[in-house]
Amino acid sequence: MCPGAPGERGRGHRRRWGALALARARRYRRGSLRLQATDYALGRVTRATRRRSFPIVRRHARTYVEDRVALVGDAAHTIHPQAGQGMNIGLLDAAALAEAIGRAGDAGRQRPLRQYARWRRGHNTAVMAAMDLFHHGFAHGGPARAWLRNRAMVLAERAGPAKRHSIRLGTGVAGDLPPLARPLRDERA
């Protein structure tokens, strides 16, 4: 868990998530971590604005599409930044929208936009719920919750095919994927 992440402080503390803990932020400000993080490949990094933080709020748009407009990624949904799933579902949104528009041949028609919205909403809702479950399961302490979390992890480890399927879904290589998001076949196999 990132220092300063929600759940690391006591009850009633206004939950804010920052990218770095204070000690690391001071070193980051001096530039040493910025250069190390990129293996010095990007050269000197200059800060353009002061650091910011933002509240973690789960949001899901009531509708993904309106007249000639479609929402994708963070414009359509925001989730806790856990396991990169927000980015993953955003990329799947973009691939699904491209597929729906490509089939229709006209980006402005409502039918492909509605198809895109139906295609993505269910999956996005499921991922958002799963990430909420993980966040609440791991962000809060206490002996009873720790015991329950550990039991759940042991059971998940023993789940065999269900575990493998969950991993494939979570990594974005299984499920109802748009063609642009499907894994490439290994021609050597």
Protein backbone atom coordinates (compact mmCIF):
# COMPACT_ATOMS: atom_id res chain seq x y z
CA MET A 1 0.00 0.00 0.00
CA CYS A 2 1.30 3.45 -0.84
CA PRO A 3 2.15 5.49 2.25
CA GLY A 4 -0.56 8.05 2.77
CA ALA A 5 -3.12 5.91 0.97
CA PRO A 6 -6.67 5.70 2.31
CA GLY A 7 -7.00 3.42 5.29
CA GLU A 8 -3.52 4.07 6.59
CA ARG A 9 -4.78 6.76 8.96
CA GLY A 10 -7.32 6.55 11.75
CA ARG A 11 -11.07 6.83 11.44
CA GLY A 12 -12.49 10.21 10.59
CA HIS A 13 -9.37 11.33 8.77
CA ARG A 14 -10.24 12.96 5.50
CA ARG A 15 -9.05 10.46 2.97
CA ARG A 16 -6.76 11.84 0.32
CA TRP A 17 -4.38 9.96 -1.85
CA GLY A 18 -1.03 11.41 -2.83
CA ALA A 19 1.57 9.94 -5.12
CA LEU A 20 4.42 9.94 -2.58
CA ALA A 21 4.92 10.04 1.19
CA LEU A 22 6.40 13.25 2.55
CA ALA A 23 9.97 11.94 2.86
CA ARG A 24 9.97 10.62 -0.67
CA ALA A 25 8.31 13.80 -1.90
CA ARG A 26 11.20 15.87 -0.54
CA ARG A 27 13.74 13.71 -2.36
CA TYR A 28 11.51 13.77 -5.44
CA ARG A 29 11.47 17.56 -5.32
CA ARG A 30 15.27 17.56 -5.43
CA GLY A 31 15.09 15.38 -8.54
CA SER A 32 16.96 12.26 -7.45
CA LEU A 33 13.93 9.94 -7.53
CA ARG A 34 12.60 11.38 -10.75
CA LEU A 35 15.81 10.53 -12.56
CA GLN A 36 16.13 7.10 -10.94
CA ALA A 37 12.52 6.20 -11.76
CA THR A 38 13.16 6.71 -15.47
CA ASP A 39 16.65 5.16 -15.40
CA TYR A 40 17.87 8.59 -16.49
CA ALA A 41 16.38 7.97 -19.96
CA LEU A 42 14.25 11.12 -19.94
CA GLY A 43 17.01 13.47 -18.89
CA ARG A 44 16.30 16.35 -16.55
CA VAL A 45 12.67 16.61 -15.41
CA THR A 46 11.36 20.07 -14.59
CA ARG A 47 8.32 20.51 -12.40
CA ALA A 48 5.69 22.66 -14.13
CA THR A 49 3.24 23.00 -11.23
CA ARG A 50 3.17 22.21 -7.56
CA ARG A 51 2.18 18.71 -6.46
CA ARG A 52 -1.51 18.02 -6.22
CA SER A 53 -3.67 15.42 -4.58
CA PHE A 54 -7.18 14.40 -5.35
CA PRO A 55 -9.91 12.60 -3.46
CA ILE A 56 -10.56 9.04 -4.46
CA VAL A 57 -14.19 8.93 -5.44
CA ARG A 58 -15.85 6.12 -7.31
CA ARG A 59 -17.94 7.64 -10.07
CA HIS A 60 -19.87 6.11 -12.92
CA ALA A 61 -21.63 8.20 -15.55
CA ARG A 62 -25.39 7.67 -15.82
CA THR A 63 -24.98 7.31 -19.55
CA TYR A 64 -21.92 6.81 -21.72
CA VAL A 65 -23.41 8.34 -24.85
CA GLU A 66 -25.47 11.29 -25.98
CA ASP A 67 -26.04 12.86 -29.37
CA ARG A 68 -22.75 12.34 -31.29
CA VAL A 69 -20.73 12.11 -28.04
CA ALA A 70 -19.29 9.08 -26.23
CA LEU A 71 -17.53 9.00 -22.87
CA VAL A 72 -14.56 6.64 -22.43
CA GLY A 73 -12.10 5.98 -19.63
CA ASP A 74 -12.04 8.39 -16.71
CA ALA A 75 -14.68 10.56 -18.38
CA ALA A 76 -17.11 7.63 -18.01
CA HIS A 77 -15.89 6.09 -14.74
CA THR A 78 -13.31 6.59 -12.00
CA ILE A 79 -12.15 3.92 -9.59
CA HIS A 80 -9.51 3.48 -6.91
CA PRO A 81 -6.11 3.39 -8.64
CA GLN A 82 -5.48 -0.22 -7.77
CA ALA A 83 -3.77 -2.73 -10.04
CA GLY A 84 -4.05 -0.40 -13.03
CA GLN A 85 -7.64 -1.48 -13.63
CA GLY A 86 -8.84 2.07 -14.31
CA MET A 87 -6.41 2.31 -17.19
CA ASN A 88 -7.27 -1.20 -18.39
CA ILE A 89 -10.99 -0.55 -18.58
CA GLY A 90 -10.34 2.82 -20.21
CA LEU A 91 -8.31 1.14 -22.96
CA LEU A 92 -11.05 -1.46 -23.41
CA ASP A 93 -13.58 1.38 -23.71
CA ALA A 94 -11.53 2.98 -26.48
CA ALA A 95 -11.13 -0.33 -28.34
CA ALA A 96 -14.86 -1.10 -28.03
CA LEU A 97 -15.84 2.36 -29.27
CA ALA A 98 -13.47 2.04 -32.24
CA GLU A 99 -14.95 -1.38 -33.05
CA ALA A 100 -18.57 -0.17 -32.81
CA ILE A 101 -17.91 2.89 -34.97
CA GLY A 102 -15.83 0.87 -37.43
CA ARG A 103 -18.66 -1.59 -37.98
CA ALA A 104 -21.16 1.22 -38.55
CA GLY A 105 -18.88 3.32 -40.73
CA ASP A 106 -20.28 6.56 -39.30
CA ALA A 107 -19.06 7.99 -36.01
CA GLY A 108 -22.12 10.20 -35.58
CA ARG A 109 -24.86 7.57 -35.67
CA GLN A 110 -26.46 6.76 -32.33
CA ARG A 111 -26.78 3.03 -32.88
CA PRO A 112 -23.05 2.21 -32.68
CA LEU A 113 -22.66 4.56 -29.74
CA ARG A 114 -25.48 2.79 -27.88
CA GLN A 115 -23.91 -0.59 -28.75
CA TYR A 116 -20.62 0.60 -27.30
CA ALA A 117 -22.36 1.75 -24.09
CA ARG A 118 -24.18 -1.59 -23.65
CA TRP A 119 -20.99 -3.51 -24.40
CA ARG A 120 -18.87 -1.74 -21.79
CA ARG A 121 -21.17 -0.75 -18.92
CA GLY A 122 -21.58 -4.24 -17.42
CA HIS A 123 -17.89 -5.06 -17.47
CA ASN A 124 -16.93 -1.67 -16.08
CA THR A 125 -19.46 -2.01 -13.27
CA ALA A 126 -18.09 -5.46 -12.36
CA VAL A 127 -14.47 -4.25 -12.34
CA MET A 128 -15.41 -1.22 -10.25
CA ALA A 129 -17.19 -3.44 -7.71
CA ALA A 130 -14.24 -5.86 -7.56
CA MET A 131 -11.75 -3.02 -7.01
CA ASP A 132 -13.98 -1.59 -4.26
CA LEU A 133 -13.99 -5.01 -2.60
CA PHE A 134 -10.20 -5.27 -2.79
CA HIS A 135 -9.71 -1.72 -1.59
CA HIS A 136 -11.99 -2.11 1.42
CA GLY A 137 -10.59 -5.56 2.17
CA PHE A 138 -6.98 -4.41 2.22
CA ALA A 139 -7.19 -0.77 3.28
CA HIS A 140 -8.72 -1.35 6.68
CA GLY A 141 -7.09 -3.23 9.53
CA GLY A 142 -8.14 -5.04 12.63
CA PRO A 143 -7.54 -8.66 13.61
CA ALA A 144 -10.91 -9.96 12.44
CA ARG A 145 -10.60 -8.34 9.03
CA ALA A 146 -6.98 -9.51 8.69
CA TRP A 147 -8.04 -13.09 9.51
CA LEU A 148 -10.91 -12.94 7.01
CA ARG A 149 -8.67 -11.43 4.33
CA ASN A 150 -6.04 -14.13 4.86
CA ARG A 151 -8.67 -16.91 4.68
CA ALA A 152 -10.04 -15.43 1.47
CA MET A 153 -6.55 -15.32 -0.04
CA VAL A 154 -5.89 -18.96 0.92
CA LEU A 155 -9.18 -20.02 -0.66
CA ALA A 156 -8.47 -17.97 -3.78
CA GLU A 157 -5.04 -19.58 -4.08
CA ARG A 158 -6.67 -23.03 -4.03
CA ALA A 159 -9.42 -22.15 -6.50
CA GLY A 160 -7.61 -23.65 -9.52
CA PRO A 161 -9.53 -22.98 -12.74
CA ALA A 162 -11.59 -20.18 -11.17
CA LYS A 163 -8.37 -18.48 -10.06
CA ARG A 164 -6.84 -18.78 -13.55
CA HIS A 165 -10.01 -17.40 -15.15
CA SER A 166 -10.11 -14.49 -12.69
CA ILE A 167 -6.48 -13.68 -13.46
CA ARG A 168 -7.18 -13.78 -17.20
CA LEU A 169 -10.16 -11.46 -16.75
CA GLY A 170 -8.18 -9.11 -14.52
CA THR A 171 -5.29 -8.89 -16.96
CA GLY A 172 -7.62 -8.21 -19.86
CA VAL A 173 -6.94 -11.31 -21.94
CA ALA A 174 -10.32 -13.01 -21.46
CA GLY A 175 -13.96 -12.06 -21.63
CA ASP A 176 -15.95 -10.20 -24.27
CA LEU A 177 -13.01 -8.27 -25.69
CA PRO A 178 -13.06 -5.94 -28.69
CA PRO A 179 -10.83 -7.29 -31.51
CA LEU A 180 -8.33 -4.47 -30.95
CA ALA A 181 -7.87 -5.63 -27.35
CA ARG A 182 -7.51 -9.37 -27.96
CA PRO A 183 -4.10 -10.93 -27.40
CA LEU A 184 -2.09 -11.63 -30.53
CA ARG A 185 -1.79 -15.28 -31.38
CA ASP A 186 1.69 -16.68 -31.23
CA GLU A 187 2.27 -17.91 -34.79
CA ARG A 188 5.15 -20.12 -33.58
CA ALA A 189 2.86 -22.28 -31.44
